[in-house]
C-alpha atoms as a PDB file:
ATOM      1  CA  MET A   1       0.000   0.000   0.000  1.00  0.00           C
ATOM      2  CA  PRO A   2       1.496   3.420  -0.960  1.00  0.00           C
ATOM      3  CA  LEU A   3       2.507   5.619   1.973  1.00  0.00           C
ATOM      4  CA  LEU A   4      -0.185   8.265   1.374  1.00  0.00           C
ATOM      5  CA  GLU A   5      -2.930   5.635   1.156  1.00  0.00           C
ATOM      6  CA  TRP A   6      -1.530   3.984   4.287  1.00  0.00           C
ATOM      7  CA  ARG A   7      -1.775   7.249   6.220  1.00  0.00           C
ATOM      8  CA  ARG A   8      -5.381   7.691   5.072  1.00  0.00           C
ATOM      9  CA  HIS A   9      -6.098   4.126   6.151  1.00  0.00           C
ATOM     10  CA  ILE A  10      -4.730   4.856   9.622  1.00  0.00           C
ATOM     11  CA  GLU A  11      -6.748   8.069   9.860  1.00  0.00           C
ATOM     12  CA  HIS A  12     -10.089   6.430   9.067  1.00  0.00           C
ATOM     13  CA  ARG A  13      -9.788   2.959  10.573  1.00  0.00           C
ATOM     14  CA  GLU A  14     -11.886   1.976  13.596  1.00  0.00           C
ATOM     15  CA  LEU A  15      -9.666   1.610  16.664  1.00  0.00           C
ATOM     16  CA  GLN A  16      -9.788  -1.643  18.599  1.00  0.00           C
ATOM     17  CA  VAL A  17     -10.358  -1.270  22.337  1.00  0.00           C
ATOM     18  CA  ALA A  18      -8.581  -3.348  24.980  1.00  0.00           C
ATOM     19  CA  THR A  19      -7.792  -3.190  28.690  1.00  0.00           C
ATOM     20  CA  LEU A  20      -4.247  -3.290  30.066  1.00  0.00           C
ATOM     21  CA  GLU A  21      -3.587  -3.280  33.811  1.00  0.00           C
ATOM     22  CA  ASP A  22      -6.905  -1.499  34.481  1.00  0.00           C
ATOM     23  CA  ILE A  23      -6.018   1.192  31.922  1.00  0.00           C
ATOM     24  CA  THR A  24      -8.233   1.418  28.853  1.00  0.00           C
ATOM     25  CA  VAL A  25      -6.272   1.575  25.612  1.00  0.00           C
ATOM     26  CA  LYS A  26      -7.175   1.693  21.931  1.00  0.00           C
ATOM     27  CA  THR A  27      -4.929  -0.111  19.471  1.00  0.00           C
ATOM     28  CA  LEU A  28      -3.849   2.435  16.882  1.00  0.00           C
ATOM     29  CA  LEU A  29      -1.221   0.377  15.019  1.00  0.00           C
ATOM     30  CA  SER A  30      -0.745  -3.380  15.255  1.00  0.00           C
ATOM     31  CA  GLU A  31       2.634  -5.091  15.471  1.00  0.00           C
ATOM     32  CA  GLU A  32       2.357  -6.081  11.816  1.00  0.00           C
ATOM     33  CA  GLU A  33       1.510  -2.543  10.720  1.00  0.00           C
ATOM     34  CA  LEU A  34       4.434  -1.108  12.679  1.00  0.00           C
ATOM     35  CA  GLN A  35       6.868  -3.556  11.100  1.00  0.00           C
ATOM     36  CA  ALA A  36       5.544  -2.753   7.625  1.00  0.00           C
ATOM     37  CA  GLY A  37       5.916   0.990   8.269  1.00  0.00           C
ATOM     38  CA  VAL A  38       9.508   0.615   9.463  1.00  0.00           C
ATOM     39  CA  ALA A  39      10.324  -1.502   6.414  1.00  0.00           C
ATOM     40  CA  ARG A  40       8.916   1.167   4.089  1.00  0.00           C
ATOM     41  CA  MET A  41      10.898   3.878   5.836  1.00  0.00           C
ATOM     42  CA  ALA A  42      14.089   1.793   5.603  1.00  0.00           C
ATOM     43  CA  ILE A  43      13.614   1.553   1.835  1.00  0.00           C
ATOM     44  CA  GLU A  44      13.305   5.350   1.614  1.00  0.00           C
ATOM     45  CA  ILE A  45      16.438   5.832   3.745  1.00  0.00           C
ATOM     46  CA  ALA A  46      18.479   3.343   1.714  1.00  0.00           C
ATOM     47  CA  ALA A  47      17.415   5.044  -1.505  1.00  0.00           C
ATOM     48  CA  ALA A  48      18.446   8.453  -0.143  1.00  0.00           C
ATOM     49  CA  TYR A  49      21.931   7.397   0.968  1.00  0.00           C
ATOM     50  CA  GLY A  50      22.845   4.706  -1.540  1.00  0.00           C
ATOM     51  CA  GLU A  51      26.198   3.158  -0.599  1.00  0.00           C
ATOM     52  CA  ARG A  52      27.364   6.141   1.460  1.00  0.00           C
ATOM     53  CA  PRO A  53      28.386   5.172   5.022  1.00  0.00           C
ATOM     54  CA  LEU A  54      25.798   6.337   7.531  1.00  0.00           C
ATOM     55  CA  THR A  55      26.023   7.181  11.233  1.00  0.00           C
ATOM     56  CA  ILE A  56      22.686   6.568  12.923  1.00  0.00           C
ATOM     57  CA  VAL A  57      22.070   8.347  16.230  1.00  0.00           C
ATOM     58  CA  GLY A  58      19.150   7.087  18.283  1.00  0.00           C
ATOM     59  CA  VAL A  59      17.461   9.408  20.760  1.00  0.00           C
ATOM     60  CA  LEU A  60      17.003   7.588  24.056  1.00  0.00           C
ATOM     61  CA  THR A  61      14.875   6.148  25.415  1.00  0.00           C
ATOM     62  CA  GLY A  62      11.849   6.159  23.175  1.00  0.00           C
ATOM     63  CA  SER A  63      13.656   5.198  19.954  1.00  0.00           C
ATOM     64  CA  ILE A  64      15.274   1.958  21.173  1.00  0.00           C
ATOM     65  CA  VAL A  65      12.727  -0.431  19.638  1.00  0.00           C
ATOM     66  CA  LEU A  66      12.560   1.525  16.373  1.00  0.00           C
ATOM     67  CA  LEU A  67      16.356   1.783  16.235  1.00  0.00           C
ATOM     68  CA  ALA A  68      16.822  -1.969  16.643  1.00  0.00           C
ATOM     69  CA  ASP A  69      14.238  -2.801  13.976  1.00  0.00           C
ATOM     70  CA  LEU A  70      15.358  -0.115  11.539  1.00  0.00           C
ATOM     71  CA  ILE A  71      19.066  -0.963  11.417  1.00  0.00           C
ATOM     72  CA  ARG A  72      18.220  -4.611  10.691  1.00  0.00           C
ATOM     73  CA  GLN A  73      16.274  -3.439   7.647  1.00  0.00           C
ATOM     74  CA  LEU A  74      19.167  -1.380   6.258  1.00  0.00           C
ATOM     75  CA  ASP A  75      21.700  -3.156   4.055  1.00  0.00           C
ATOM     76  CA  ILE A  76      24.117  -0.223   3.860  1.00  0.00           C
ATOM     77  CA  PRO A  77      27.360   0.597   5.711  1.00  0.00           C
ATOM     78  CA  LEU A  78      26.386   2.096   9.062  1.00  0.00           C
ATOM     79  CA  ARG A  79      27.482   2.872  12.594  1.00  0.00           C
ATOM     80  CA  VAL A  80      25.141   3.295  15.555  1.00  0.00           C
ATOM     81  CA  GLY A  81      25.345   5.734  18.454  1.00  0.00           C
ATOM     82  CA  VAL A  82      22.900   7.154  20.968  1.00  0.00           C
ATOM     83  CA  LEU A  83      22.232  10.321  22.880  1.00  0.00           C
ATOM     84  CA  GLN A  84      19.751  11.091  25.606  1.00  0.00           C
ATOM     85  CA  ALA A  85      17.300  13.938  25.232  1.00  0.00           C
ATOM     86  CA  SER A  86      14.385  14.352  27.582  1.00  0.00           C
ATOM     87  CA  SER A  87      11.804  17.029  28.238  1.00  0.00           C
ATOM     88  CA  TYR A  88       9.025  14.988  29.863  1.00  0.00           C
ATOM     89  CA  ARG A  89       9.839  14.604  33.527  1.00  0.00           C
ATOM     90  CA  SER A  90       6.640  12.854  34.666  1.00  0.00           C
ATOM     91  CA  GLY A  91       3.537  11.712  32.841  1.00  0.00           C
ATOM     92  CA  ALA A  92       2.702  14.091  30.013  1.00  0.00           C
ATOM     93  CA  THR A  93       4.110  17.255  31.588  1.00  0.00           C
ATOM     94  CA  ARG A  94       6.812  18.930  29.508  1.00  0.00           C
ATOM     95  CA  GLY A  95       9.857  20.273  31.316  1.00  0.00           C
ATOM     96  CA  ALA A  96      13.200  21.804  30.329  1.00  0.00           C
ATOM     97  CA  LEU A  97      15.056  19.854  27.648  1.00  0.00           C
ATOM     98  CA  THR A  98      18.358  18.228  28.548  1.00  0.00           C
ATOM     99  CA  ILE A  99      20.720  16.543  26.072  1.00  0.00           C
ATOM    100  CA  ASN A 100      23.436  14.080  27.079  1.00  0.00           C
ATOM    101  CA  SER A 101      25.705  13.099  24.188  1.00  0.00           C
ATOM    102  CA  GLU A 102      28.463  11.335  26.145  1.00  0.00           C
ATOM    103  CA  MET A 103      27.670   7.947  24.556  1.00  0.00           C
ATOM    104  CA  MET A 104      27.587   9.284  20.999  1.00  0.00           C
ATOM    105  CA  LEU A 105      30.104   8.472  18.261  1.00  0.00           C
ATOM    106  CA  ASP A 106      32.314  11.001  16.517  1.00  0.00           C
ATOM    107  CA  VAL A 107      30.157  12.482  13.754  1.00  0.00           C
ATOM    108  CA  ALA A 108      32.574  15.004  12.230  1.00  0.00           C
ATOM    109  CA  GLU A 109      32.416  14.964   8.396  1.00  0.00           C
ATOM    110  CA  ARG A 110      29.958  12.053   8.435  1.00  0.00           C
ATOM    111  CA  ASP A 111      26.397  11.693   7.177  1.00  0.00           C
ATOM    112  CA  VAL A 112      24.179  11.475  10.259  1.00  0.00           C
ATOM    113  CA  LEU A 113      20.627  10.196  10.586  1.00  0.00           C
ATOM    114  CA  VAL A 114      18.863  11.030  13.850  1.00  0.00           C
ATOM    115  CA  VAL A 115      16.232   8.432  14.775  1.00  0.00           C
ATOM    116  CA  ASP A 116      13.466   9.346  17.215  1.00  0.00           C
ATOM    117  CA  ASP A 117      10.163   7.844  18.233  1.00  0.00           C
ATOM    118  CA  ILE A 118       7.728  10.730  17.738  1.00  0.00           C
ATOM    119  CA  PHE A 119       7.612  14.224  16.241  1.00  0.00           C
ATOM    120  CA  ASP A 120       5.158  16.062  18.495  1.00  0.00           C
ATOM    121  CA  THR A 121       5.754  19.774  19.167  1.00  0.00           C
ATOM    122  CA  GLY A 122       9.131  19.353  17.473  1.00  0.00           C
ATOM    123  CA  HIS A 123      11.256  21.163  20.055  1.00  0.00           C
ATOM    124  CA  THR A 124      13.291  18.107  21.068  1.00  0.00           C
ATOM    125  CA  LEU A 125      14.284  17.118  17.537  1.00  0.00           C
ATOM    126  CA  VAL A 126      15.156  20.704  16.573  1.00  0.00           C
ATOM    127  CA  GLU A 127      17.492  21.040  19.553  1.00  0.00           C
ATOM    128  CA  VAL A 128      19.068  17.632  18.952  1.00  0.00           C
ATOM    129  CA  VAL A 129      19.807  18.555  15.321  1.00  0.00           C
ATOM    130  CA  ALA A 130      21.273  21.885  16.422  1.00  0.00           C
ATOM    131  CA  LYS A 131      23.504  20.089  18.937  1.00  0.00           C
ATOM    132  CA  LEU A 132      24.756  17.665  16.280  1.00  0.00           C
ATOM    133  CA  LYS A 133      25.458  20.424  13.773  1.00  0.00           C
ATOM    134  CA  GLU A 134      27.877  21.944  16.295  1.00  0.00           C
ATOM    135  CA  LEU A 135      29.987  18.795  15.790  1.00  0.00           C
ATOM    136  CA  ALA A 136      30.550  19.498  12.065  1.00  0.00           C
ATOM    137  CA  PRO A 137      28.896  16.500  10.380  1.00  0.00           C
ATOM    138  CA  ALA A 138      28.733  16.307   6.596  1.00  0.00           C
ATOM    139  CA  SER A 139      24.924  16.219   6.811  1.00  0.00           C
ATOM    140  CA  VAL A 140      22.128  15.668   9.320  1.00  0.00           C
ATOM    141  CA  LYS A 141      18.740  14.188   8.475  1.00  0.00           C
ATOM    142  CA  THR A 142      15.997  12.875  10.740  1.00  0.00           C
ATOM    143  CA  ALA A 143      13.715   9.839  10.803  1.00  0.00           C
ATOM    144  CA  VAL A 144      10.753   9.345  13.124  1.00  0.00           C
ATOM    145  CA  LEU A 145       8.285   6.550  13.632  1.00  0.00           C
ATOM    146  CA  LEU A 146       5.363   8.915  14.254  1.00  0.00           C
ATOM    147  CA  ARG A 147       4.389  12.465  13.366  1.00  0.00           C
ATOM    148  CA  LYS A 148       1.455  13.760  15.388  1.00  0.00           C
ATOM    149  CA  ARG A 149      -0.787  15.903  13.209  1.00  0.00           C
ATOM    150  CA  GLY A 150      -1.447  19.492  14.263  1.00  0.00           C
ATOM    151  CA  ARG A 151       0.980  19.590  17.201  1.00  0.00           C
ATOM    152  CA  GLN A 152       4.120  21.111  15.665  1.00  0.00           C
ATOM    153  CA  GLU A 153       5.393  24.407  17.086  1.00  0.00           C
ATOM    154  CA  VAL A 154       8.572  24.627  14.994  1.00  0.00           C
ATOM    155  CA  ASP A 155       9.433  25.336  11.357  1.00  0.00           C
ATOM    156  CA  PHE A 156      10.975  21.922  10.793  1.00  0.00           C
ATOM    157  CA  SER A 157       9.930  18.605   9.243  1.00  0.00           C
ATOM    158  CA  PRO A 158      11.629  15.192   9.512  1.00  0.00           C
ATOM    159  CA  GLU A 159      12.922  13.841   6.224  1.00  0.00           C
ATOM    160  CA  PHE A 160      11.594  10.324   6.908  1.00  0.00           C
ATOM    161  CA  VAL A 161       8.268   9.536   8.625  1.00  0.00           C
ATOM    162  CA  ALA A 162       6.746   6.073   8.999  1.00  0.00           C
ATOM    163  CA  PHE A 163       3.263   7.176  10.132  1.00  0.00           C
ATOM    164  CA  ASP A 164       1.182  10.312  10.561  1.00  0.00           C
ATOM    165  CA  ILE A 165      -1.151   9.843  13.529  1.00  0.00           C
ATOM    166  CA  PRO A 166      -3.996  11.809  15.180  1.00  0.00           C
ATOM    167  CA  ASP A 167      -3.381  14.068  18.178  1.00  0.00           C
ATOM    168  CA  GLU A 168      -3.631  11.280  20.763  1.00  0.00           C
ATOM    169  CA  PHE A 169      -1.357  10.232  23.624  1.00  0.00           C
ATOM    170  CA  VAL A 170       0.250   7.005  22.435  1.00  0.00           C
ATOM    171  CA  VAL A 171       2.320   4.312  24.138  1.00  0.00           C
ATOM    172  CA  GLY A 172       4.035   1.101  23.115  1.00  0.00           C
ATOM    173  CA  TYR A 173       6.834   0.173  20.712  1.00  0.00           C
ATOM    174  CA  GLY A 174       9.262   2.172  22.867  1.00  0.00           C
ATOM    175  CA  LEU A 175       6.961   5.059  23.798  1.00  0.00           C
ATOM    176  CA  ASP A 176       5.987   5.358  27.445  1.00  0.00           C
ATOM    177  CA  TYR A 177       3.672   7.021  29.913  1.00  0.00           C
ATOM    178  CA  ALA A 178       5.239   7.516  33.367  1.00  0.00           C
ATOM    179  CA  ASP A 179       7.945   4.992  32.366  1.00  0.00           C
ATOM    180  CA  GLN A 180       5.394   2.285  31.572  1.00  0.00           C
ATOM    181  CA  TYR A 181       4.126   0.505  28.426  1.00  0.00           C
ATOM    182  CA  ARG A 182       7.344   0.751  26.348  1.00  0.00           C
ATOM    183  CA  HIS A 183       7.284  -3.043  25.975  1.00  0.00           C
ATOM    184  CA  LEU A 184       3.977  -3.232  24.087  1.00  0.00           C
ATOM    185  CA  ARG A 185       4.406  -4.735  20.623  1.00  0.00           C
ATOM    186  CA  TYR A 186       1.637  -2.518  19.247  1.00  0.00           C
ATOM    187  CA  LEU A 187       0.926   1.224  19.452  1.00  0.00           C
ATOM    188  CA  ALA A 188      -1.896   2.109  21.834  1.00  0.00           C
ATOM    189  CA  VAL A 189      -3.827   5.262  22.699  1.00  0.00           C
ATOM    190  CA  LEU A 190      -4.386   6.036  26.372  1.00  0.00           C
ATOM    191  CA  GLU A 191      -7.794   7.478  27.192  1.00  0.00           C
ATOM    192  CA  PRO A 192      -7.823  11.081  28.538  1.00  0.00           C
ATOM    193  CA  ASP A 193      -9.537   9.985  31.763  1.00  0.00           C
ATOM    194  CA  ASP A 194      -6.706   7.563  32.505  1.00  0.00           C
ATOM    195  CA  LEU A 195      -4.089  10.254  31.910  1.00  0.00           C
ATOM    196  CA  ALA A 196      -5.909  12.673  34.213  1.00  0.00           C
ATOM    197  CA  SER A 197      -6.376  10.125  37.012  1.00  0.00           C
ATOM    198  CA  ASP A 198      -2.695   9.144  36.898  1.00  0.00           C
ATOM    199  CA  ARG A 199      -1.601  12.757  37.433  1.00  0.00           C
ATOM    200  CA  SER A 200      -3.887  13.309  40.438  1.00  0.00           C
END
């Protein structure tokens, strides 16, 4: 299914409802759909870089599942590093952004692809890219699993996007809520009432 048709399919499909640990969730993307989306994005990335060596930098902690699946789909020369960038201190409350790049590889004069879980307001990815550009790479591009429609507050767009999703709070496949649910094999939507009760 072409990417545009896939995004329309996601927008209009009826969400399945399930219960997890007394929290009501709606399944937005199944395990199979996630794997297909990552595979499509890997094809786009490989086409963009050809045989050029690539340094992939995963943004911890949300990108770990995506990062592992994506690099196994790429049959090109690559290195993998990570950095930690966090602005959500508890639940869904946004705090000051901090970036820790101590575990990252040398990126000077190299093509760099930043991999993150979700493009929401966009502030985190913009600051991560700015930080990397200070290290004099040959190029910096970005790839995200999810882009949340209507939430962006920055003049920036990722070069590679697996899925556009509605403005919902999602968990699973590496994404968390209060450090829970990262292990889910599918992408789920938490109900607003459950988010509100958890913060009280």
